[in-house]
């Protein structure tokens, strides 16, 4: 009797485990050389480990919306239990995302696309308001005494980065957008050329710590000028500069959470039908000199 009961219990447990198995696919626009997205991926992998879900992370090698839409289409064709997607260009990706939601596949958006996520049928968005974060950066840098700025955009065509510069302009005032590639050497050269060409520029805002923030810091140092400098996102190198007083602050959107939370939410949805009732703001948080040293180690570990 006991043996039969144990066998039946084990069979039920195995059956329940199989019924609750989750297949989740994450598709982002993150480029392979961008350390920001390695932190997102770390969050995805940790959530997979904690939830027991089977999760695949996919991204195009370069900022390529055609390639990204094809990755989303391929994910839809696999009929997973959920899809996580960033939305840097709703015009380019909207049809592919709608295919997922119309097929009944739960979708959560992350990082970029908070303004269009709901219209495309996603359950919710995990990220920050890019415009509001840019405005907060502008207000802070203006408060610190900045009068004329450049906004360094290392991923032209990414709507989220355009929103950052637009918000920055509203909060700060006199801003020129400086387009670059995401090659750090190119960023450094272009920032140096811009500040050398106009001595009235006293403020630089970069839109990504590893790709644009650290090269912008190098350009400012090479110029020998005293300037205000801040960046979106975190890197150990830039945080060390903030701690040393060589830069003003970094804007933390806690991208580990952008990888971790959607996978966890979709796993819970597949298991129990649970899902949060609205968007989850993961930022912005301004990491200033008094906080920077505490965050450096976690950034080096790929968590912050």
Protein backbone atom coordinates (compact mmCIF):
# COMPACT_ATOMS: atom_id res chain seq x y z
CA UNK A 1 0.00 0.00 0.00
CA UNK A 2 2.76 2.40 0.96
CA UNK A 3 4.78 1.50 -2.14
CA UNK A 4 1.77 2.06 -4.37
CA UNK A 5 1.12 5.41 -2.70
CA UNK A 6 4.73 6.51 -3.14
CA UNK A 7 4.72 5.41 -6.77
CA UNK A 8 1.49 7.29 -7.42
CA UNK A 9 2.84 10.37 -5.67
CA UNK A 10 6.04 10.27 -7.74
CA UNK A 11 4.04 9.83 -10.94
CA UNK A 12 1.86 12.81 -10.05
CA UNK A 13 4.93 14.93 -9.25
CA UNK A 14 6.58 14.05 -12.55
CA UNK A 15 3.33 14.71 -14.42
CA UNK A 16 2.89 18.09 -12.71
CA UNK A 17 6.50 19.00 -13.43
CA UNK A 18 6.02 18.19 -17.11
CA UNK A 19 2.78 20.18 -17.24
CA UNK A 20 4.51 23.18 -15.69
CA UNK A 21 7.56 23.12 -17.95
CA UNK A 22 8.15 26.54 -19.48
CA UNK A 23 9.90 27.46 -22.69
CA UNK A 24 10.70 31.16 -22.81
CA UNK A 25 12.55 33.01 -25.56
CA UNK A 26 14.23 36.38 -25.02
CA UNK A 27 14.95 38.55 -28.09
CA UNK A 28 16.76 41.87 -27.62
CA UNK A 29 18.50 44.41 -29.83
CA UNK A 30 21.65 44.26 -27.70
CA UNK A 31 24.83 44.14 -29.72
CA UNK A 32 27.48 41.56 -28.93
CA UNK A 33 30.12 44.14 -27.93
CA UNK A 34 27.85 46.07 -25.56
CA UNK A 35 28.55 45.17 -21.90
CA UNK A 36 25.15 46.55 -20.88
CA UNK A 37 23.40 43.61 -22.51
CA UNK A 38 25.69 41.05 -20.92
CA UNK A 39 24.18 42.14 -17.58
CA UNK A 40 20.66 41.69 -18.98
CA UNK A 41 21.66 38.22 -20.15
CA UNK A 42 23.05 37.45 -16.69
CA UNK A 43 19.64 38.34 -15.26
CA UNK A 44 17.93 36.07 -17.80
CA UNK A 45 20.20 33.16 -16.91
CA UNK A 46 19.73 33.65 -13.17
CA UNK A 47 15.94 33.70 -13.59
CA UNK A 48 16.09 30.52 -15.66
CA UNK A 49 18.09 28.85 -12.92
CA UNK A 50 15.80 30.07 -10.13
CA UNK A 51 12.51 29.28 -11.91
CA UNK A 52 13.52 26.07 -13.64
CA UNK A 53 12.37 27.46 -16.99
CA UNK A 54 14.08 26.61 -20.27
CA UNK A 55 15.17 29.98 -21.65
CA UNK A 56 16.93 30.97 -24.86
CA UNK A 57 18.52 34.40 -25.30
CA UNK A 58 18.84 35.73 -28.85
CA UNK A 59 20.08 39.00 -30.35
CA UNK A 60 21.40 40.19 -33.72
CA UNK A 61 25.15 40.74 -34.04
CA UNK A 62 24.61 44.42 -34.90
CA UNK A 63 21.79 46.94 -34.45
CA UNK A 64 19.69 45.42 -37.23
CA UNK A 65 15.90 45.66 -37.04
CA UNK A 66 15.33 43.33 -39.99
CA UNK A 67 17.42 40.64 -38.33
CA UNK A 68 15.69 41.25 -35.00
CA UNK A 69 12.21 40.97 -36.51
CA UNK A 70 13.26 37.67 -38.07
CA UNK A 71 14.41 36.43 -34.66
CA UNK A 72 11.01 37.34 -33.19
CA UNK A 73 9.21 35.60 -36.06
CA UNK A 74 11.29 32.47 -35.50
CA UNK A 75 10.46 32.59 -31.78
CA UNK A 76 6.73 32.84 -32.53
CA UNK A 77 6.95 29.83 -34.83
CA UNK A 78 8.32 27.78 -31.90
CA UNK A 79 5.14 28.49 -29.89
CA UNK A 80 6.91 29.06 -26.55
CA UNK A 81 5.18 29.73 -23.24
CA UNK A 82 6.35 33.33 -23.38
CA UNK A 83 8.50 35.82 -25.24
CA UNK A 84 10.52 38.70 -23.81
CA UNK A 85 11.40 41.42 -26.30
CA UNK A 86 12.95 44.88 -26.39
CA UNK A 87 11.31 47.39 -28.74
CA UNK A 88 13.82 49.97 -29.99
CA UNK A 89 11.78 50.54 -33.18
CA UNK A 90 8.07 49.81 -33.02
CA UNK A 91 7.56 50.50 -36.74
CA UNK A 92 10.10 47.83 -37.67
CA UNK A 93 9.18 45.26 -35.01
CA UNK A 94 5.47 45.85 -34.43
CA UNK A 95 4.13 43.32 -36.92
CA UNK A 96 6.34 40.55 -35.53
CA UNK A 97 5.33 41.31 -31.95
CA UNK A 98 1.65 41.41 -32.88
CA UNK A 99 2.03 37.98 -34.49
CA UNK A 100 3.08 36.69 -31.08
CA UNK A 101 0.30 38.33 -29.09
CA UNK A 102 -2.37 37.43 -31.66
CA UNK A 103 -1.19 33.82 -31.49
CA UNK A 104 -1.87 33.90 -27.75
CA UNK A 105 1.79 33.88 -26.71
CA UNK A 106 2.36 36.02 -23.60
CA UNK A 107 4.81 38.85 -24.31
CA UNK A 108 6.66 41.13 -21.90
CA UNK A 109 8.74 44.01 -23.23
CA UNK A 110 11.92 45.28 -21.63
CA UNK A 111 14.32 48.20 -21.81
CA UNK A 112 12.87 50.17 -24.72
CA UNK A 113 9.30 50.50 -25.91
CA UNK A 114 7.40 51.41 -22.74
CA UNK A 115 5.28 53.86 -24.75
CA UNK A 116 4.17 51.27 -27.35
CA UNK A 117 4.28 48.02 -25.38
CA UNK A 118 0.60 47.97 -24.41
CA UNK A 119 -0.58 48.90 -27.92
CA UNK A 120 1.33 45.91 -29.32
CA UNK A 121 -0.42 43.57 -26.89
CA UNK A 122 2.34 42.98 -24.37
CA UNK A 123 1.33 42.14 -20.80
CA UNK A 124 3.64 44.77 -19.34
CA UNK A 125 6.99 46.53 -19.65
CA UNK A 126 10.03 46.31 -17.38
CA UNK A 127 12.32 49.31 -17.75
CA UNK A 128 12.41 53.05 -17.28
CA UNK A 129 10.84 56.05 -18.98
CA UNK A 130 13.73 57.09 -21.18
CA UNK A 131 12.44 60.63 -21.69
CA UNK A 132 11.94 61.17 -17.95
CA UNK A 133 15.37 59.73 -17.20
CA UNK A 134 16.95 62.06 -19.75
CA UNK A 135 15.12 65.02 -18.29
CA UNK A 136 16.30 64.11 -14.78
CA UNK A 137 19.88 63.96 -16.06
CA UNK A 138 19.48 67.35 -17.73
CA UNK A 139 18.06 68.99 -14.65
CA UNK A 140 20.86 67.60 -12.48
CA UNK A 141 23.65 68.66 -14.85
CA UNK A 142 22.11 72.12 -15.21
CA UNK A 143 21.92 72.37 -11.42
CA UNK A 144 25.63 71.51 -11.29
CA UNK A 145 26.38 74.50 -13.50
CA UNK A 146 26.35 73.14 -17.05
CA UNK A 147 25.30 75.56 -19.78
CA UNK A 148 25.97 73.88 -23.16
CA UNK A 149 26.01 70.15 -23.78
CA UNK A 150 26.41 67.35 -26.27
CA UNK A 151 24.33 64.17 -26.07
CA UNK A 152 26.42 61.27 -27.41
CA UNK A 153 24.19 58.80 -29.29
CA UNK A 154 26.09 55.60 -30.06
CA UNK A 155 23.12 53.74 -31.57
CA UNK A 156 21.42 56.00 -34.09
CA UNK A 157 17.95 54.70 -34.95
CA UNK A 158 17.21 53.41 -31.46
CA UNK A 159 14.07 55.32 -30.45
CA UNK A 160 14.87 54.88 -26.75
CA UNK A 161 18.16 56.75 -27.17
CA UNK A 162 16.40 59.51 -29.12
CA UNK A 163 14.01 59.84 -26.18
CA UNK A 164 16.93 60.13 -23.76
CA UNK A 165 18.42 63.01 -25.73
CA UNK A 166 15.01 64.68 -26.07
CA UNK A 167 14.39 64.47 -22.33
CA UNK A 168 17.91 65.71 -21.64
CA UNK A 169 17.29 68.72 -23.89
CA UNK A 170 14.07 69.56 -22.04
CA UNK A 171 15.77 69.34 -18.67
CA UNK A 172 19.04 71.04 -19.61
CA UNK A 173 18.43 73.50 -22.44
CA UNK A 174 21.23 73.98 -24.97
CA UNK A 175 22.00 70.48 -26.30
CA UNK A 176 23.46 69.17 -29.55
CA UNK A 177 23.09 65.48 -30.37
CA UNK A 178 26.40 63.90 -31.44
CA UNK A 179 25.85 60.71 -33.48
CA UNK A 180 28.56 58.03 -33.31
CA UNK A 181 28.94 54.32 -33.84
CA UNK A 182 29.21 52.03 -30.83
CA UNK A 183 32.94 51.56 -31.41
CA UNK A 184 34.64 53.12 -28.36
CA UNK A 185 37.52 54.46 -30.46
CA UNK A 186 35.07 56.24 -32.76
CA UNK A 187 33.15 57.66 -29.79
CA UNK A 188 36.31 59.03 -28.20
CA UNK A 189 37.48 60.61 -31.44
CA UNK A 190 34.13 62.25 -32.19
CA UNK A 191 33.63 63.58 -28.65
CA UNK A 192 37.17 64.98 -28.61
CA UNK A 193 36.61 66.65 -31.98
CA UNK A 194 33.30 68.15 -30.82
CA UNK A 195 34.66 69.67 -27.61
CA UNK A 196 37.82 70.89 -29.32
CA UNK A 197 35.73 72.62 -31.98
CA UNK A 198 33.52 74.49 -29.47
CA UNK A 199 35.05 75.73 -26.22
CA UNK A 200 31.62 76.75 -24.93
CA UNK A 201 30.64 73.08 -24.52
CA UNK A 202 30.98 72.32 -20.82
CA UNK A 203 28.80 69.21 -20.43
CA UNK A 204 28.74 65.74 -21.97
CA UNK A 205 25.98 63.15 -21.53
CA UNK A 206 26.68 59.68 -22.88
CA UNK A 207 23.92 57.13 -23.44
CA UNK A 208 25.79 53.95 -22.54
CA UNK A 209 28.55 53.54 -19.96
CA UNK A 210 30.84 51.01 -21.60
CA UNK A 211 30.30 51.97 -25.21
CA UNK A 212 30.09 55.76 -24.87
CA UNK A 213 30.63 56.84 -21.25
CA UNK A 214 34.16 55.59 -20.79
CA UNK A 215 35.34 56.81 -24.23
CA UNK A 216 33.75 60.21 -23.52
CA UNK A 217 35.63 60.31 -20.22
CA UNK A 218 38.87 59.56 -22.07
CA UNK A 219 38.14 62.36 -24.55
CA UNK A 220 37.45 64.88 -21.78
CA UNK A 221 40.63 63.88 -19.95
CA UNK A 222 42.69 64.19 -23.13
CA UNK A 223 41.31 67.67 -23.77
CA UNK A 224 42.58 68.86 -20.40
CA UNK A 225 39.36 70.78 -19.78
CA UNK A 226 37.15 70.78 -16.70
CA UNK A 227 33.75 69.53 -17.82
CA UNK A 228 30.58 68.03 -16.44
CA UNK A 229 30.16 64.41 -17.50
CA UNK A 230 27.49 61.79 -16.92
CA UNK A 231 26.27 58.63 -18.58
CA UNK A 232 23.30 56.34 -18.76
CA UNK A 233 23.95 52.88 -17.36
CA UNK A 234 26.87 51.54 -15.37
CA UNK A 235 30.34 50.14 -15.89
CA UNK A 236 33.04 49.51 -13.32
CA UNK A 237 35.37 51.96 -15.08
CA UNK A 238 32.88 54.80 -15.20
CA UNK A 239 31.77 54.23 -11.62
CA UNK A 240 35.39 54.46 -10.50
CA UNK A 241 35.55 57.84 -12.28
CA UNK A 242 32.41 58.99 -10.45
CA UNK A 243 33.87 57.83 -7.12
CA UNK A 244 37.07 59.75 -7.90
CA UNK A 245 35.18 62.93 -8.80
CA UNK A 246 36.15 62.73 -12.49
CA UNK A 247 32.51 62.35 -13.58
CA UNK A 248 29.27 63.56 -12.02
CA UNK A 249 26.98 60.51 -12.04
CA UNK A 250 25.72 57.45 -13.84
CA UNK A 251 22.05 56.64 -14.41
CA UNK A 252 21.23 53.13 -13.27
CA UNK A 253 18.22 51.42 -14.83
CA UNK A 254 19.06 48.10 -13.13
CA UNK A 255 19.20 46.09 -16.32
CA UNK A 256 19.77 42.86 -14.39
CA UNK A 257 16.13 43.20 -13.34
CA UNK A 258 15.15 43.74 -16.97
CA UNK A 259 16.47 40.27 -17.71
CA UNK A 260 15.44 38.60 -14.47
CA UNK A 261 11.90 39.81 -13.81
CA UNK A 262 10.22 39.09 -17.19
CA UNK A 263 11.49 35.52 -17.26
CA UNK A 264 10.28 35.03 -13.69
CA UNK A 265 6.90 36.60 -14.46
CA UNK A 266 6.38 34.46 -17.57
CA UNK A 267 7.39 31.32 -15.68
CA UNK A 268 4.87 32.12 -12.95
CA UNK A 269 2.26 32.87 -15.59
CA UNK A 270 2.84 29.50 -17.25
CA UNK A 271 2.71 27.67 -13.90
CA UNK A 272 -0.03 29.49 -12.04
CA UNK A 273 -1.57 32.12 -14.33
CA UNK A 274 0.01 34.89 -12.25
CA UNK A 275 1.16 38.18 -13.79
CA UNK A 276 1.69 41.70 -12.38
CA UNK A 277 -1.06 44.19 -13.17
CA UNK A 278 1.13 46.87 -14.70
CA UNK A 279 4.54 48.06 -15.82
CA UNK A 280 7.55 47.68 -13.53
CA UNK A 281 9.91 50.70 -13.40
CA UNK A 282 13.47 49.43 -12.97
CA UNK A 283 14.93 52.97 -12.95
CA UNK A 284 16.16 55.61 -13.14
CA UNK A 285 18.49 55.90 -10.17
CA UNK A 286 21.30 58.47 -10.18
CA UNK A 287 24.54 56.96 -8.89
CA UNK A 288 26.54 59.92 -7.59
CA UNK A 289 29.95 60.05 -5.89
CA UNK A 290 28.59 59.05 -2.49
CA UNK A 291 27.11 55.82 -3.90
CA UNK A 292 29.51 54.87 -6.68
CA UNK A 293 32.11 52.96 -4.68
CA UNK A 294 29.41 50.63 -3.29
CA UNK A 295 28.27 49.66 -6.79
CA UNK A 296 31.66 49.15 -8.50
CA UNK A 297 32.12 45.53 -7.37
CA UNK A 298 28.61 44.50 -8.39
CA UNK A 299 29.12 46.14 -11.78
CA UNK A 300 32.36 44.23 -12.28
CA UNK A 301 30.44 41.03 -11.44
CA UNK A 302 27.84 41.75 -14.14
CA UNK A 303 24.98 42.47 -11.76
CA UNK A 304 24.78 46.30 -11.75
